[in-house]
C-alpha atoms as a PDB file:
ATOM      1  CA  MET A   1     121.270 161.552 150.788  1.00  0.00           C
ATOM      2  CA  ALA A   2     122.716 160.052 147.632  1.00  0.00           C
ATOM      3  CA  ASN A   3     124.210 156.605 147.695  1.00  0.00           C
ATOM      4  CA  THR A   4     127.659 156.252 146.200  1.00  0.00           C
ATOM      5  CA  PHE A   5     128.788 153.226 144.296  1.00  0.00           C
ATOM      6  CA  ARG A   6     132.364 152.082 144.501  1.00  0.00           C
ATOM      7  CA  PRO A   7     133.266 149.009 142.489  1.00  0.00           C
ATOM      8  CA  ASP A   8     135.234 146.320 144.267  1.00  0.00           C
ATOM      9  CA  ARG A   9     138.147 146.183 141.835  1.00  0.00           C
ATOM     10  CA  LYS A  10     139.777 143.203 143.543  1.00  0.00           C
ATOM     11  CA  GLY A  11     136.485 141.314 143.404  1.00  0.00           C
ATOM     12  CA  ILE A  12     135.953 142.159 139.747  1.00  0.00           C
ATOM     13  CA  SER A  13     139.507 141.039 138.967  1.00  0.00           C
ATOM     14  CA  GLU A  14     138.887 137.772 140.799  1.00  0.00           C
ATOM     15  CA  ILE A  15     135.771 137.106 138.737  1.00  0.00           C
ATOM     16  CA  LEU A  16     137.431 137.959 135.426  1.00  0.00           C
ATOM     17  CA  LYS A  17     140.531 135.877 136.152  1.00  0.00           C
ATOM     18  CA  LYS A  18     139.331 132.822 138.036  1.00  0.00           C
ATOM     19  CA  GLN A  19     135.594 132.345 138.032  1.00  0.00           C
ATOM     20  CA  THR A  20     135.202 132.724 134.267  1.00  0.00           C
ATOM     21  CA  ALA A  21     138.259 130.625 133.319  1.00  0.00           C
ATOM     22  CA  GLY A  22     136.314 127.361 133.169  1.00  0.00           C
ATOM     23  CA  ALA A  23     133.694 128.761 130.816  1.00  0.00           C
ATOM     24  CA  ILE A  24     136.289 130.462 128.612  1.00  0.00           C
ATOM     25  CA  ASN A  25     138.438 127.341 128.389  1.00  0.00           C
ATOM     26  CA  GLY A  26     135.374 125.208 127.710  1.00  0.00           C
ATOM     27  CA  LEU A  27     134.356 127.365 124.758  1.00  0.00           C
ATOM     28  CA  ALA A  28     137.922 127.445 123.452  1.00  0.00           C
ATOM     29  CA  SER A  29     138.097 123.639 123.677  1.00  0.00           C
ATOM     30  CA  GLN A  30     134.901 123.347 121.656  1.00  0.00           C
ATOM     31  CA  ILE A  31     136.228 125.771 119.028  1.00  0.00           C
ATOM     32  CA  TYR A  32     139.442 123.731 118.954  1.00  0.00           C
ATOM     33  CA  SER A  33     137.498 120.498 118.388  1.00  0.00           C
ATOM     34  CA  GLN A  34     135.364 122.013 115.626  1.00  0.00           C
ATOM     35  CA  ALA A  35     138.414 123.499 113.882  1.00  0.00           C
ATOM     36  CA  GLN A  36     140.439 120.286 114.150  1.00  0.00           C
ATOM     37  CA  ALA A  37     137.544 118.326 112.656  1.00  0.00           C
ATOM     38  CA  SER A  38     137.354 120.663 109.649  1.00  0.00           C
ATOM     39  CA  VAL A  39     141.026 120.434 108.591  1.00  0.00           C
ATOM     40  CA  ASP A  40     143.140 117.520 107.390  1.00  0.00           C
ATOM     41  CA  SER A  41     144.442 115.169 110.065  1.00  0.00           C
ATOM     42  CA  ASP A  42     148.033 116.294 109.446  1.00  0.00           C
ATOM     43  CA  VAL A  43     147.164 119.921 110.296  1.00  0.00           C
ATOM     44  CA  GLU A  44     147.817 120.840 113.912  1.00  0.00           C
ATOM     45  CA  VAL A  45     145.320 123.021 115.754  1.00  0.00           C
ATOM     46  CA  THR A  46     146.259 124.224 119.251  1.00  0.00           C
ATOM     47  CA  MET A  47     144.364 125.679 122.203  1.00  0.00           C
ATOM     48  CA  GLU A  48     146.275 127.615 124.850  1.00  0.00           C
ATOM     49  CA  PRO A  49     144.591 129.105 127.929  1.00  0.00           C
ATOM     50  CA  TYR A  50     146.258 132.184 129.422  1.00  0.00           C
ATOM     51  CA  THR A  51     145.536 135.018 131.836  1.00  0.00           C
ATOM     52  CA  THR A  52     146.043 138.755 131.445  1.00  0.00           C
ATOM     53  CA  ASP A  53     143.717 140.992 133.402  1.00  0.00           C
ATOM     54  CA  ARG A  54     141.100 138.302 132.693  1.00  0.00           C
ATOM     55  CA  ALA A  55     140.874 134.654 131.688  1.00  0.00           C
ATOM     56  CA  ALA A  56     141.444 134.082 127.984  1.00  0.00           C
ATOM     57  CA  ALA A  57     142.334 131.361 125.508  1.00  0.00           C
ATOM     58  CA  SER A  58     143.811 131.200 122.041  1.00  0.00           C
ATOM     59  CA  VAL A  59     142.935 128.706 119.305  1.00  0.00           C
ATOM     60  CA  THR A  60     145.467 128.609 116.473  1.00  0.00           C
ATOM     61  CA  ILE A  61     145.990 126.645 113.288  1.00  0.00           C
ATOM     62  CA  ALA A  62     149.660 125.848 113.964  1.00  0.00           C
ATOM     63  CA  ASP A  63     150.542 125.052 110.385  1.00  0.00           C
ATOM     64  CA  PRO A  64     152.291 127.130 107.719  1.00  0.00           C
ATOM     65  CA  ARG A  65     149.030 126.957 105.737  1.00  0.00           C
ATOM     66  CA  GLY A  66     146.972 128.165 108.704  1.00  0.00           C
ATOM     67  CA  LEU A  67     146.637 131.776 107.559  1.00  0.00           C
ATOM     68  CA  GLU A  68     145.554 130.604 104.125  1.00  0.00           C
ATOM     69  CA  MET A  69     142.987 128.203 105.609  1.00  0.00           C
ATOM     70  CA  GLN A  70     141.513 130.960 107.749  1.00  0.00           C
ATOM     71  CA  ALA A  71     141.516 133.512 104.915  1.00  0.00           C
ATOM     72  CA  ARG A  72     140.084 131.126 102.323  1.00  0.00           C
ATOM     73  CA  ASP A  73     137.753 128.952 104.398  1.00  0.00           C
ATOM     74  CA  GLY A  74     137.304 130.812 107.689  1.00  0.00           C
ATOM     75  CA  VAL A  75     138.083 127.635 109.637  1.00  0.00           C
ATOM     76  CA  LEU A  76     138.290 129.314 113.048  1.00  0.00           C
ATOM     77  CA  THR A  77     135.460 131.760 112.354  1.00  0.00           C
ATOM     78  CA  ARG A  78     133.153 128.934 111.317  1.00  0.00           C
ATOM     79  CA  ALA A  79     134.164 126.859 114.345  1.00  0.00           C
ATOM     80  CA  ALA A  80     133.245 129.761 116.643  1.00  0.00           C
ATOM     81  CA  ALA A  81     129.995 130.381 114.750  1.00  0.00           C
ATOM     82  CA  THR A  82     128.842 126.784 115.345  1.00  0.00           C
ATOM     83  CA  LEU A  83     128.819 127.698 119.042  1.00  0.00           C
ATOM     84  CA  GLY A  84     126.812 130.866 118.460  1.00  0.00           C
ATOM     85  CA  LEU A  85     129.810 133.191 118.795  1.00  0.00           C
ATOM     86  CA  GLU A  86     130.245 136.193 116.526  1.00  0.00           C
ATOM     87  CA  VAL A  87     133.759 136.975 115.302  1.00  0.00           C
ATOM     88  CA  ARG A  88     134.436 140.579 114.325  1.00  0.00           C
ATOM     89  CA  SER A  89     137.558 142.475 113.404  1.00  0.00           C
ATOM     90  CA  LYS A  90     138.608 145.317 115.651  1.00  0.00           C
END
């Protein structure tokens, strides 16, 4: 008799939303700190945790020059790389 596997979707959702939030927010905070340290003191970097179908966080250079800084210097990409994270485009 074959065993059937049925994923516990509510349990998986719980893990993705709540149990991983601390780790996600911790990494995002570290990326935030690295990015803030690599730009001028007058440049604002923000970190915003949020939840969709899973825990997530956004780190943004909240400055009109932010896109240029990322394109030219890879500020956020380098900050993530210092933590061993790989940033790829979709």
